[in-house]
Each structure stands twice: as C-alpha cells, then as structure tokens.
PDB file of all heavy atoms in Angstrom:
ATOM      1  N   GLN A   1       0.844  -1.179   0.000  1.00  0.00           N
ATOM      2  CA  GLN A   1       0.000   0.000   0.000  1.00  0.00           C
ATOM      3  C   GLN A   1       0.884   1.235   0.000  1.00  0.00           C
ATOM      4  O   GLN A   1       1.611   1.497   0.963  1.00  0.00           O
ATOM      5  CB  GLN A   1      -0.932   0.018   1.210  1.00  0.00           C
ATOM      6  CG  GLN A   1      -1.956   1.129   1.169  1.00  0.00           C
ATOM      7  CD  GLN A   1      -3.081   0.922   2.173  1.00  0.00           C
ATOM      8  OE1 GLN A   1      -2.969   0.112   3.097  1.00  0.00           O
ATOM      9  NE2 GLN A   1      -4.180   1.626   1.975  1.00  0.00           N
ATOM     10  N   ALA A   2       0.819   1.974  -1.101  1.00  0.00           N
ATOM     11  CA  ALA A   2       1.577   3.211  -1.229  1.00  0.00           C
ATOM     12  C   ALA A   2       0.790   4.358  -0.601  1.00  0.00           C
ATOM     13  O   ALA A   2      -0.437   4.271  -0.475  1.00  0.00           O
ATOM     14  CB  ALA A   2       1.863   3.500  -2.698  1.00  0.00           C
ATOM     15  N   PRO A   3       1.450   5.436  -0.228  1.00  0.00           N
ATOM     16  CA  PRO A   3       0.752   6.571   0.378  1.00  0.00           C
ATOM     17  C   PRO A   3      -0.366   7.087  -0.514  1.00  0.00           C
ATOM     18  O   PRO A   3      -0.160   7.334  -1.708  1.00  0.00           O
ATOM     19  CB  PRO A   3       1.859   7.619   0.536  1.00  0.00           C
ATOM     20  CG  PRO A   3       3.113   6.830   0.619  1.00  0.00           C
ATOM     21  CD  PRO A   3       2.907   5.643  -0.280  1.00  0.00           C
ATOM     22  N   GLY A   4      -1.554   7.192   0.047  1.00  0.00           N
ATOM     23  CA  GLY A   4      -2.691   7.728  -0.684  1.00  0.00           C
ATOM     24  C   GLY A   4      -3.329   6.776  -1.674  1.00  0.00           C
ATOM     25  O   GLY A   4      -4.221   7.169  -2.430  1.00  0.00           O
ATOM     26  N   LYS A   5      -2.873   5.527  -1.668  1.00  0.00           N
ATOM     27  CA  LYS A   5      -3.407   4.549  -2.618  1.00  0.00           C
ATOM     28  C   LYS A   5      -3.999   3.357  -1.884  1.00  0.00           C
ATOM     29  O   LYS A   5      -3.740   3.140  -0.701  1.00  0.00           O
ATOM     30  CB  LYS A   5      -2.301   4.091  -3.573  1.00  0.00           C
ATOM     31  CG  LYS A   5      -1.791   5.197  -4.480  1.00  0.00           C
ATOM     32  CD  LYS A   5      -0.845   4.637  -5.527  1.00  0.00           C
ATOM     33  CE  LYS A   5      -0.379   5.716  -6.491  1.00  0.00           C
ATOM     34  NZ  LYS A   5       0.538   5.174  -7.541  1.00  0.00           N
ATOM     35  N   GLU A   6      -4.770   2.571  -2.615  1.00  0.00           N
ATOM     36  CA  GLU A   6      -5.348   1.376  -2.045  1.00  0.00           C
ATOM     37  C   GLU A   6      -4.317   0.261  -1.962  1.00  0.00           C
ATOM     38  O   GLU A   6      -3.346   0.238  -2.721  1.00  0.00           O
ATOM     39  CB  GLU A   6      -6.547   0.929  -2.890  1.00  0.00           C
ATOM     40  CG  GLU A   6      -7.707   1.905  -2.880  1.00  0.00           C
ATOM     41  CD  GLU A   6      -8.916   1.364  -3.629  1.00  0.00           C
ATOM     42  OE1 GLU A   6      -8.786   0.328  -4.300  1.00  0.00           O
ATOM     43  OE2 GLU A   6      -9.987   1.983  -3.544  1.00  0.00           O
ATOM     44  N   ARG A   7      -4.566  -0.663  -1.052  1.00  0.00           N
ATOM     45  CA  ARG A   7      -3.703  -1.830  -0.945  1.00  0.00           C
ATOM     46  C   ARG A   7      -3.854  -2.678  -2.210  1.00  0.00           C
ATOM     47  O   ARG A   7      -4.959  -2.878  -2.710  1.00  0.00           O
ATOM     48  CB  ARG A   7      -4.075  -2.640   0.299  1.00  0.00           C
ATOM     49  CG  ARG A   7      -3.052  -3.676   0.689  1.00  0.00           C
ATOM     50  CD  ARG A   7      -3.374  -4.303   2.027  1.00  0.00           C
ATOM     51  NE  ARG A   7      -3.342  -3.319   3.106  1.00  0.00           N
ATOM     52  CZ  ARG A   7      -3.402  -3.646   4.398  1.00  0.00           C
ATOM     53  NH1 ARG A   7      -3.490  -4.920   4.755  1.00  0.00           N
ATOM     54  NH2 ARG A   7      -3.379  -2.695   5.314  1.00  0.00           N
ATOM     55  N   GLU A   8      -2.728  -3.171  -2.723  1.00  0.00           N
ATOM     56  CA  GLU A   8      -2.767  -3.951  -3.958  1.00  0.00           C
ATOM     57  C   GLU A   8      -1.964  -5.239  -3.835  1.00  0.00           C
ATOM     58  O   GLU A   8      -0.994  -5.315  -3.069  1.00  0.00           O
ATOM     59  CB  GLU A   8      -2.215  -3.126  -5.130  1.00  0.00           C
ATOM     60  CG  GLU A   8      -0.757  -2.741  -5.005  1.00  0.00           C
ATOM     61  CD  GLU A   8      -0.230  -1.998  -6.229  1.00  0.00           C
ATOM     62  OE1 GLU A   8      -1.014  -1.683  -7.135  1.00  0.00           O
ATOM     63  OE2 GLU A   8       0.996  -1.751  -6.257  1.00  0.00           O
ATOM     64  N   PHE A   9      -2.356  -6.205  -4.622  1.00  0.00           N
ATOM     65  CA  PHE A   9      -1.695  -7.501  -4.662  1.00  0.00           C
ATOM     66  C   PHE A   9      -0.312  -7.364  -5.291  1.00  0.00           C
ATOM     67  O   PHE A   9      -0.129  -6.637  -6.272  1.00  0.00           O
ATOM     68  CB  PHE A   9      -2.552  -8.476  -5.463  1.00  0.00           C
ATOM     69  CG  PHE A   9      -1.867  -9.775  -5.781  1.00  0.00           C
ATOM     70  CD1 PHE A   9      -1.735 -10.756  -4.821  1.00  0.00           C
ATOM     71  CD2 PHE A   9      -1.353 -10.004  -7.049  1.00  0.00           C
ATOM     72  CE1 PHE A   9      -1.099 -11.955  -5.104  1.00  0.00           C
ATOM     73  CE2 PHE A   9      -0.723 -11.188  -7.357  1.00  0.00           C
ATOM     74  CZ  PHE A   9      -0.601 -12.164  -6.382  1.00  0.00           C
ATOM     75  N   VAL A  10       0.658  -8.115  -4.739  1.00  0.00           N
ATOM     76  CA  VAL A  10       2.010  -8.139  -5.288  1.00  0.00           C
ATOM     77  C   VAL A  10       2.362  -9.537  -5.790  1.00  0.00           C
ATOM     78  O   VAL A  10       2.709  -9.715  -6.956  1.00  0.00           O
ATOM     79  CB  VAL A  10       3.047  -7.686  -4.241  1.00  0.00           C
ATOM     80  CG1 VAL A  10       4.465  -7.836  -4.791  1.00  0.00           C
ATOM     81  CG2 VAL A  10       2.789  -6.246  -3.822  1.00  0.00           C
ATOM     82  N   ALA A  11       2.275 -10.528  -4.917  1.00  0.00           N
ATOM     83  CA  ALA A  11       2.684 -11.877  -5.292  1.00  0.00           C
ATOM     84  C   ALA A  11       2.084 -12.885  -4.325  1.00  0.00           C
ATOM     85  O   ALA A  11       1.773 -12.545  -3.178  1.00  0.00           O
ATOM     86  CB  ALA A  11       4.201 -11.999  -5.295  1.00  0.00           C
ATOM     87  N   ALA A  12       1.939 -14.125  -4.793  1.00  0.00           N
ATOM     88  CA  ALA A  12       1.444 -15.204  -3.941  1.00  0.00           C
ATOM     89  C   ALA A  12       2.081 -16.509  -4.379  1.00  0.00           C
ATOM     90  O   ALA A  12       2.537 -16.650  -5.522  1.00  0.00           O
ATOM     91  CB  ALA A  12      -0.082 -15.303  -4.008  1.00  0.00           C
ATOM     92  N   ILE A  13       2.083 -17.476  -3.447  1.00  0.00           N
ATOM     93  CA  ILE A  13       2.702 -18.774  -3.710  1.00  0.00           C
ATOM     94  C   ILE A  13       1.837 -19.861  -3.094  1.00  0.00           C
ATOM     95  O   ILE A  13       1.319 -19.712  -1.986  1.00  0.00           O
ATOM     96  CB  ILE A  13       4.143 -18.800  -3.159  1.00  0.00           C
ATOM     97  CG1 ILE A  13       4.860 -20.086  -3.546  1.00  0.00           C
ATOM     98  CG2 ILE A  13       4.169 -18.572  -1.649  1.00  0.00           C
ATOM     99  CD1 ILE A  13       6.378 -20.034  -3.296  1.00  0.00           C
ATOM    100  N   SER A  14       1.656 -20.938  -3.828  1.00  0.00           N
ATOM    101  CA  SER A  14       0.859 -22.060  -3.334  1.00  0.00           C
ATOM    102  C   SER A  14       1.564 -22.742  -2.173  1.00  0.00           C
ATOM    103  O   SER A  14       2.775 -22.576  -1.969  1.00  0.00           O
ATOM    104  CB  SER A  14       0.616 -23.055  -4.464  1.00  0.00           C
ATOM    105  OG  SER A  14       1.847 -23.612  -4.904  1.00  0.00           O
ATOM    106  N   TRP A  15       0.797 -23.572  -1.432  1.00  0.00           N
ATOM    107  CA  TRP A  15       1.405 -24.179  -0.246  1.00  0.00           C
ATOM    108  C   TRP A  15       2.525 -25.148  -0.610  1.00  0.00           C
ATOM    109  O   TRP A  15       3.467 -25.345   0.146  1.00  0.00           O
ATOM    110  CB  TRP A  15       0.355 -24.855   0.628  1.00  0.00           C
ATOM    111  CG  TRP A  15      -0.378 -26.041   0.048  1.00  0.00           C
ATOM    112  CD1 TRP A  15      -1.631 -26.058  -0.477  1.00  0.00           C
ATOM    113  CD2 TRP A  15       0.092 -27.391  -0.029  1.00  0.00           C
ATOM    114  NE1 TRP A  15      -1.968 -27.310  -0.876  1.00  0.00           N
ATOM    115  CE2 TRP A  15      -0.944 -28.158  -0.615  1.00  0.00           C
ATOM    116  CE3 TRP A  15       1.274 -28.039   0.342  1.00  0.00           C
ATOM    117  CZ2 TRP A  15      -0.821 -29.522  -0.832  1.00  0.00           C
ATOM    118  CZ3 TRP A  15       1.396 -29.400   0.121  1.00  0.00           C
ATOM    119  CH2 TRP A  15       0.354 -30.129  -0.466  1.00  0.00           C
ATOM    120  N   SER A  16       2.447 -25.726  -1.810  1.00  0.00           N
ATOM    121  CA  SER A  16       3.478 -26.657  -2.257  1.00  0.00           C
ATOM    122  C   SER A  16       4.657 -25.953  -2.908  1.00  0.00           C
ATOM    123  O   SER A  16       5.648 -26.596  -3.255  1.00  0.00           O
ATOM    124  CB  SER A  16       2.883 -27.637  -3.256  1.00  0.00           C
ATOM    125  OG  SER A  16       2.485 -26.942  -4.428  1.00  0.00           O
ATOM    126  N   ALA A  17       4.524 -24.631  -3.121  1.00  0.00           N
ATOM    127  CA  ALA A  17       5.522 -23.822  -3.823  1.00  0.00           C
ATOM    128  C   ALA A  17       5.627 -24.187  -5.298  1.00  0.00           C
ATOM    129  O   ALA A  17       6.558 -23.755  -5.985  1.00  0.00           O
ATOM    130  CB  ALA A  17       6.903 -23.922  -3.166  1.00  0.00           C
ATOM    131  N   SER A  18       4.675 -24.944  -5.806  1.00  0.00           N
ATOM    132  CA  SER A  18       4.706 -25.350  -7.209  1.00  0.00           C
ATOM    133  C   SER A  18       4.069 -24.313  -8.126  1.00  0.00           C
ATOM    134  O   SER A  18       4.185 -24.409  -9.341  1.00  0.00           O
ATOM    135  CB  SER A  18       3.988 -26.682  -7.385  1.00  0.00           C
ATOM    136  OG  SER A  18       2.648 -26.576  -6.941  1.00  0.00           O
ATOM    137  N   SER A  19       3.391 -23.336  -7.548  1.00  0.00           N
ATOM    138  CA  SER A  19       2.735 -22.307  -8.357  1.00  0.00           C
ATOM    139  C   SER A  19       2.934 -20.940  -7.714  1.00  0.00           C
ATOM    140  O   SER A  19       2.819 -20.791  -6.495  1.00  0.00           O
ATOM    141  CB  SER A  19       1.241 -22.605  -8.475  1.00  0.00           C
ATOM    142  OG  SER A  19       0.559 -21.561  -9.137  1.00  0.00           O
ATOM    143  N   THR A  20       3.239 -19.954  -8.553  1.00  0.00           N
ATOM    144  CA  THR A  20       3.367 -18.577  -8.086  1.00  0.00           C
ATOM    145  C   THR A  20       2.522 -17.661  -8.967  1.00  0.00           C
ATOM    146  O   THR A  20       2.160 -18.004 -10.089  1.00  0.00           O
ATOM    147  CB  THR A  20       4.820 -18.095  -8.101  1.00  0.00           C
ATOM    148  OG1 THR A  20       5.343 -18.253  -9.432  1.00  0.00           O
ATOM    149  CG2 THR A  20       5.669 -18.883  -7.135  1.00  0.00           C
ATOM    150  N   ASN A  21       2.268 -16.490  -8.444  1.00  0.00           N
ATOM    151  CA  ASN A  21       1.365 -15.541  -9.096  1.00  0.00           C
ATOM    152  C   ASN A  21       1.893 -14.142  -8.783  1.00  0.00           C
ATOM    153  O   ASN A  21       2.169 -13.826  -7.626  1.00  0.00           O
ATOM    154  CB  ASN A  21      -0.042 -15.749  -8.512  1.00  0.00           C
ATOM    155  CG  ASN A  21      -1.090 -14.885  -9.155  1.00  0.00           C
ATOM    156  OD1 ASN A  21      -0.904 -14.347 -10.232  1.00  0.00           O
ATOM    157  ND2 ASN A  21      -2.206 -14.742  -8.466  1.00  0.00           N
ATOM    158  N   TYR A  22       2.052 -13.300  -9.815  1.00  0.00           N
ATOM    159  CA  TYR A  22       2.628 -11.968  -9.623  1.00  0.00           C
ATOM    160  C   TYR A  22       1.753 -10.896 -10.271  1.00  0.00           C
ATOM    161  O   TYR A  22       1.134 -11.123 -11.314  1.00  0.00           O
ATOM    162  CB  TYR A  22       4.021 -11.878 -10.257  1.00  0.00           C
ATOM    163  CG  TYR A  22       5.056 -12.758  -9.610  1.00  0.00           C
ATOM    164  CD1 TYR A  22       5.311 -14.040 -10.097  1.00  0.00           C
ATOM    165  CD2 TYR A  22       5.789 -12.316  -8.516  1.00  0.00           C
ATOM    166  CE1 TYR A  22       6.262 -14.856  -9.506  1.00  0.00           C
ATOM    167  CE2 TYR A  22       6.745 -13.118  -7.923  1.00  0.00           C
ATOM    168  CZ  TYR A  22       6.980 -14.396  -8.426  1.00  0.00           C
ATOM    169  OH  TYR A  22       7.920 -15.196  -7.836  1.00  0.00           O
ATOM    170  N   ALA A  23       1.778  -9.723  -9.676  1.00  0.00           N
ATOM    171  CA  ALA A  23       1.194  -8.561 -10.331  1.00  0.00           C
ATOM    172  C   ALA A  23       2.063  -8.191 -11.526  1.00  0.00           C
ATOM    173  O   ALA A  23       3.286  -8.384 -11.499  1.00  0.00           O
ATOM    174  CB  ALA A  23       1.134  -7.391  -9.362  1.00  0.00           C
ATOM    175  N   ASP A  24       1.437  -7.670 -12.559  1.00  0.00           N
ATOM    176  CA  ASP A  24       2.185  -7.326 -13.775  1.00  0.00           C
ATOM    177  C   ASP A  24       3.306  -6.333 -13.482  1.00  0.00           C
ATOM    178  O   ASP A  24       4.368  -6.382 -14.110  1.00  0.00           O
ATOM    179  CB  ASP A  24       1.242  -6.740 -14.823  1.00  0.00           C
ATOM    180  CG  ASP A  24       0.332  -7.791 -15.435  1.00  0.00           C
ATOM    181  OD1 ASP A  24       0.632  -8.993 -15.298  1.00  0.00           O
ATOM    182  OD2 ASP A  24      -0.683  -7.401 -16.047  1.00  0.00           O
ATOM    183  N   SER A  25       3.081  -5.449 -12.525  1.00  0.00           N
ATOM    184  CA  SER A  25       4.044  -4.395 -12.238  1.00  0.00           C
ATOM    185  C   SER A  25       5.344  -4.912 -11.633  1.00  0.00           C
ATOM    186  O   SER A  25       6.349  -4.190 -11.626  1.00  0.00           O
ATOM    187  CB  SER A  25       3.422  -3.357 -11.295  1.00  0.00           C
ATOM    188  OG  SER A  25       3.013  -3.974 -10.089  1.00  0.00           O
ATOM    189  N   VAL A  26       5.350  -6.142 -11.129  1.00  0.00           N
ATOM    190  CA  VAL A  26       6.555  -6.661 -10.488  1.00  0.00           C
ATOM    191  C   VAL A  26       7.116  -7.896 -11.185  1.00  0.00           C
ATOM    192  O   VAL A  26       8.174  -8.398 -10.790  1.00  0.00           O
ATOM    193  CB  VAL A  26       6.312  -6.979  -8.997  1.00  0.00           C
ATOM    194  CG1 VAL A  26       5.740  -5.768  -8.279  1.00  0.00           C
ATOM    195  CG2 VAL A  26       5.408  -8.188  -8.825  1.00  0.00           C
ATOM    196  N   LYS A  27       6.441  -8.402 -12.182  1.00  0.00           N
ATOM    197  CA  LYS A  27       6.919  -9.590 -12.885  1.00  0.00           C
ATOM    198  C   LYS A  27       8.315  -9.376 -13.439  1.00  0.00           C
ATOM    199  O   LYS A  27       8.608  -8.326 -14.024  1.00  0.00           O
ATOM    200  CB  LYS A  27       5.966  -9.943 -14.024  1.00  0.00           C
ATOM    201  CG  LYS A  27       4.725 -10.695 -13.596  1.00  0.00           C
ATOM    202  CD  LYS A  27       3.838 -11.023 -14.794  1.00  0.00           C
ATOM    203  CE  LYS A  27       2.577 -11.738 -14.349  1.00  0.00           C
ATOM    204  NZ  LYS A  27       1.651 -12.014 -15.476  1.00  0.00           N
ATOM    205  N   GLY A  28       9.163 -10.365 -13.230  1.00  0.00           N
ATOM    206  CA  GLY A  28      10.536 -10.277 -13.721  1.00  0.00           C
ATOM    207  C   GLY A  28      11.469  -9.549 -12.772  1.00  0.00           C
ATOM    208  O   GLY A  28      12.686  -9.590 -12.963  1.00  0.00           O
ATOM    209  N   ARG A  29      10.930  -8.877 -11.768  1.00  0.00           N
ATOM    210  CA  ARG A  29      11.767  -8.155 -10.799  1.00  0.00           C
ATOM    211  C   ARG A  29      11.674  -8.752  -9.397  1.00  0.00           C
ATOM    212  O   ARG A  29      12.659  -8.761  -8.663  1.00  0.00           O
ATOM    213  CB  ARG A  29      11.352  -6.685 -10.736  1.00  0.00           C
ATOM    214  CG  ARG A  29      11.470  -5.945 -12.059  1.00  0.00           C
ATOM    215  CD  ARG A  29      11.247  -4.447 -11.875  1.00  0.00           C
ATOM    216  NE  ARG A  29       9.907  -4.142 -11.374  1.00  0.00           N
ATOM    217  CZ  ARG A  29       9.684  -3.463 -10.259  1.00  0.00           C
ATOM    218  NH1 ARG A  29      10.695  -3.017  -9.508  1.00  0.00           N
ATOM    219  NH2 ARG A  29       8.443  -3.206  -9.869  1.00  0.00           N
ATOM    220  N   PHE A  30      10.509  -9.239  -9.023  1.00  0.00           N
ATOM    221  CA  PHE A  30      10.281  -9.789  -7.691  1.00  0.00           C
ATOM    222  C   PHE A  30      10.137 -11.306  -7.773  1.00  0.00           C
ATOM    223  O   PHE A  30       9.606 -11.840  -8.758  1.00  0.00           O
ATOM    224  CB  PHE A  30       9.002  -9.225  -7.074  1.00  0.00           C
ATOM    225  CG  PHE A  30       9.041  -7.758  -6.719  1.00  0.00           C
ATOM    226  CD1 PHE A  30      10.086  -6.933  -7.119  1.00  0.00           C
ATOM    227  CD2 PHE A  30       8.029  -7.202  -5.962  1.00  0.00           C
ATOM    228  CE1 PHE A  30      10.117  -5.590  -6.786  1.00  0.00           C
ATOM    229  CE2 PHE A  30       8.033  -5.857  -5.612  1.00  0.00           C
ATOM    230  CZ  PHE A  30       9.084  -5.054  -6.036  1.00  0.00           C
ATOM    231  N   THR A  31      10.593 -11.969  -6.719  1.00  0.00           N
ATOM    232  CA  THR A  31      10.452 -13.421  -6.626  1.00  0.00           C
ATOM    233  C   THR A  31       9.953 -13.796  -5.240  1.00  0.00           C
ATOM    234  O   THR A  31      10.557 -13.404  -4.231  1.00  0.00           O
ATOM    235  CB  THR A  31      11.787 -14.128  -6.889  1.00  0.00           C
ATOM    236  OG1 THR A  31      12.285 -13.760  -8.181  1.00  0.00           O
ATOM    237  CG2 THR A  31      11.610 -15.640  -6.832  1.00  0.00           C
ATOM    238  N   ILE A  32       8.866 -14.547  -5.208  1.00  0.00           N
ATOM    239  CA  ILE A  32       8.322 -15.015  -3.941  1.00  0.00           C
ATOM    240  C   ILE A  32       8.768 -16.452  -3.714  1.00  0.00           C
ATOM    241  O   ILE A  32       8.874 -17.248  -4.662  1.00  0.00           O
ATOM    242  CB  ILE A  32       6.782 -14.903  -3.910  1.00  0.00           C
ATOM    243  CG1 ILE A  32       6.245 -15.183  -2.511  1.00  0.00           C
ATOM    244  CG2 ILE A  32       6.131 -15.782  -4.960  1.00  0.00           C
ATOM    245  CD1 ILE A  32       4.760 -14.864  -2.344  1.00  0.00           C
ATOM    246  N   SER A  33       9.053 -16.772  -2.461  1.00  0.00           N
ATOM    247  CA  SER A  33       9.440 -18.128  -2.102  1.00  0.00           C
ATOM    248  C   SER A  33       8.956 -18.411  -0.681  1.00  0.00           C
ATOM    249  O   SER A  33       8.522 -17.496   0.025  1.00  0.00           O
ATOM    250  CB  SER A  33      10.957 -18.314  -2.205  1.00  0.00           C
ATOM    251  OG  SER A  33      11.633 -17.434  -1.319  1.00  0.00           O
ATOM    252  N   ARG A  34       9.023 -19.672  -0.294  1.00  0.00           N
ATOM    253  CA  ARG A  34       8.585 -20.030   1.047  1.00  0.00           C
ATOM    254  C   ARG A  34       9.410 -21.168   1.599  1.00  0.00           C
ATOM    255  O   ARG A  34      10.017 -21.932   0.830  1.00  0.00           O
ATOM    256  CB  ARG A  34       7.094 -20.387   1.066  1.00  0.00           C
ATOM    257  CG  ARG A  34       6.730 -21.634   0.300  1.00  0.00           C
ATOM    258  CD  ARG A  34       5.213 -21.782   0.214  1.00  0.00           C
ATOM    259  NE  ARG A  34       4.604 -22.005   1.528  1.00  0.00           N
ATOM    260  CZ  ARG A  34       3.312 -21.838   1.789  1.00  0.00           C
ATOM    261  NH1 ARG A  34       2.495 -21.420   0.834  1.00  0.00           N
ATOM    262  NH2 ARG A  34       2.832 -22.087   2.990  1.00  0.00           N
ATOM    263  N   ASP A  35       9.413 -21.291   2.905  1.00  0.00           N
ATOM    264  CA  ASP A  35      10.084 -22.381   3.598  1.00  0.00           C
ATOM    265  C   ASP A  35       9.087 -22.902   4.632  1.00  0.00           C
ATOM    266  O   ASP A  35       8.884 -22.270   5.673  1.00  0.00           O
ATOM    267  CB  ASP A  35      11.363 -21.880   4.266  1.00  0.00           C
ATOM    268  CG  ASP A  35      12.179 -22.996   4.902  1.00  0.00           C
ATOM    269  OD1 ASP A  35      11.588 -24.022   5.304  1.00  0.00           O
ATOM    270  OD2 ASP A  35      13.400 -22.845   5.022  1.00  0.00           O
ATOM    271  N   ASN A  36       8.475 -24.025   4.337  1.00  0.00           N
ATOM    272  CA  ASN A  36       7.431 -24.544   5.224  1.00  0.00           C
ATOM    273  C   ASN A  36       8.002 -25.068   6.539  1.00  0.00           C
ATOM    274  O   ASN A  36       7.288 -25.127   7.539  1.00  0.00           O
ATOM    275  CB  ASN A  36       6.621 -25.617   4.515  1.00  0.00           C
ATOM    276  CG  ASN A  36       5.681 -25.029   3.473  1.00  0.00           C
ATOM    277  OD1 ASN A  36       5.364 -23.837   3.515  1.00  0.00           O
ATOM    278  ND2 ASN A  36       5.256 -25.851   2.522  1.00  0.00           N
ATOM    279  N   VAL A  37       9.255 -25.439   6.533  1.00  0.00           N
ATOM    280  CA  VAL A  37       9.880 -25.877   7.782  1.00  0.00           C
ATOM    281  C   VAL A  37      10.022 -24.692   8.735  1.00  0.00           C
ATOM    282  O   VAL A  37       9.780 -24.804   9.938  1.00  0.00           O
ATOM    283  CB  VAL A  37      11.240 -26.528   7.512  1.00  0.00           C
ATOM    284  CG1 VAL A  37      11.958 -26.833   8.816  1.00  0.00           C
ATOM    285  CG2 VAL A  37      11.066 -27.792   6.673  1.00  0.00           C
ATOM    286  N   LYS A  38      10.386 -23.546   8.167  1.00  0.00           N
ATOM    287  CA  LYS A  38      10.546 -22.329   8.969  1.00  0.00           C
ATOM    288  C   LYS A  38       9.243 -21.549   9.097  1.00  0.00           C
ATOM    289  O   LYS A  38       9.224 -20.487   9.727  1.00  0.00           O
ATOM    290  CB  LYS A  38      11.625 -21.447   8.368  1.00  0.00           C
ATOM    291  CG  LYS A  38      13.014 -22.066   8.426  1.00  0.00           C
ATOM    292  CD  LYS A  38      14.067 -21.109   7.880  1.00  0.00           C
ATOM    293  CE  LYS A  38      15.458 -21.719   7.979  1.00  0.00           C
ATOM    294  NZ  LYS A  38      16.501 -20.814   7.443  1.00  0.00           N
ATOM    295  N   ASN A  39       8.177 -22.055   8.463  1.00  0.00           N
ATOM    296  CA  ASN A  39       6.880 -21.377   8.549  1.00  0.00           C
ATOM    297  C   ASN A  39       6.977 -19.931   8.077  1.00  0.00           C
ATOM    298  O   ASN A  39       6.427 -19.010   8.690  1.00  0.00           O
ATOM    299  CB  ASN A  39       6.353 -21.416   9.996  1.00  0.00           C
ATOM    300  CG  ASN A  39       4.892 -21.802  10.093  1.00  0.00           C
ATOM    301  OD1 ASN A  39       4.360 -22.496   9.221  1.00  0.00           O
ATOM    302  ND2 ASN A  39       4.231 -21.370  11.149  1.00  0.00           N
ATOM    303  N   SER A  40       7.683 -19.760   6.960  1.00  0.00           N
ATOM    304  CA  SER A  40       8.007 -18.403   6.493  1.00  0.00           C
ATOM    305  C   SER A  40       7.804 -18.248   4.995  1.00  0.00           C
ATOM    306  O   SER A  40       7.826 -19.226   4.244  1.00  0.00           O
ATOM    307  CB  SER A  40       9.457 -18.060   6.831  1.00  0.00           C
ATOM    308  OG  SER A  40       9.676 -18.032   8.223  1.00  0.00           O
ATOM    309  N   VAL A  41       7.639 -16.996   4.603  1.00  0.00           N
ATOM    310  CA  VAL A  41       7.556 -16.638   3.193  1.00  0.00           C
ATOM    311  C   VAL A  41       8.472 -15.437   2.965  1.00  0.00           C
ATOM    312  O   VAL A  41       8.689 -14.633   3.870  1.00  0.00           O
ATOM    313  CB  VAL A  41       6.099 -16.332   2.767  1.00  0.00           C
ATOM    314  CG1 VAL A  41       5.545 -15.121   3.507  1.00  0.00           C
ATOM    315  CG2 VAL A  41       5.986 -16.154   1.268  1.00  0.00           C
ATOM    316  N   TYR A  42       9.001 -15.338   1.745  1.00  0.00           N
ATOM    317  CA  TYR A  42       9.989 -14.319   1.426  1.00  0.00           C
ATOM    318  C   TYR A  42       9.611 -13.603   0.128  1.00  0.00           C
ATOM    319  O   TYR A  42       8.903 -14.159  -0.727  1.00  0.00           O
ATOM    320  CB  TYR A  42      11.370 -14.943   1.277  1.00  0.00           C
ATOM    321  CG  TYR A  42      11.750 -15.833   2.430  1.00  0.00           C
ATOM    322  CD1 TYR A  42      11.540 -17.210   2.364  1.00  0.00           C
ATOM    323  CD2 TYR A  42      12.290 -15.298   3.589  1.00  0.00           C
ATOM    324  CE1 TYR A  42      11.866 -18.033   3.426  1.00  0.00           C
ATOM    325  CE2 TYR A  42      12.619 -16.115   4.660  1.00  0.00           C
ATOM    326  CZ  TYR A  42      12.404 -17.479   4.571  1.00  0.00           C
ATOM    327  OH  TYR A  42      12.728 -18.293   5.639  1.00  0.00           O
TER     328      TYR A  42
END
C-alpha cells in the first residue's frame, strides 16, 4: 500500500511452492518463495 493509494496484490505462492502468481508491475523483478519448515515466506 503506497501513500494515498489502495492496498494492492504483489505476489502469492501455493502451499506446495509449485505455483506462483505476480502482479504485472513486479513480474521479472520480484520473486516469492517459502520455507514450510521455517513457517516463512519471502
């Protein structure tokens, strides 16, 4: 959420990490990942 703007989607990852989903504005620049052992997402 940028100042004065609505909250917007950036990226998401399935629980198996086999599928990811990105907003067009960040594709190719941002990478989402997760570690289920550490109960974390990056």
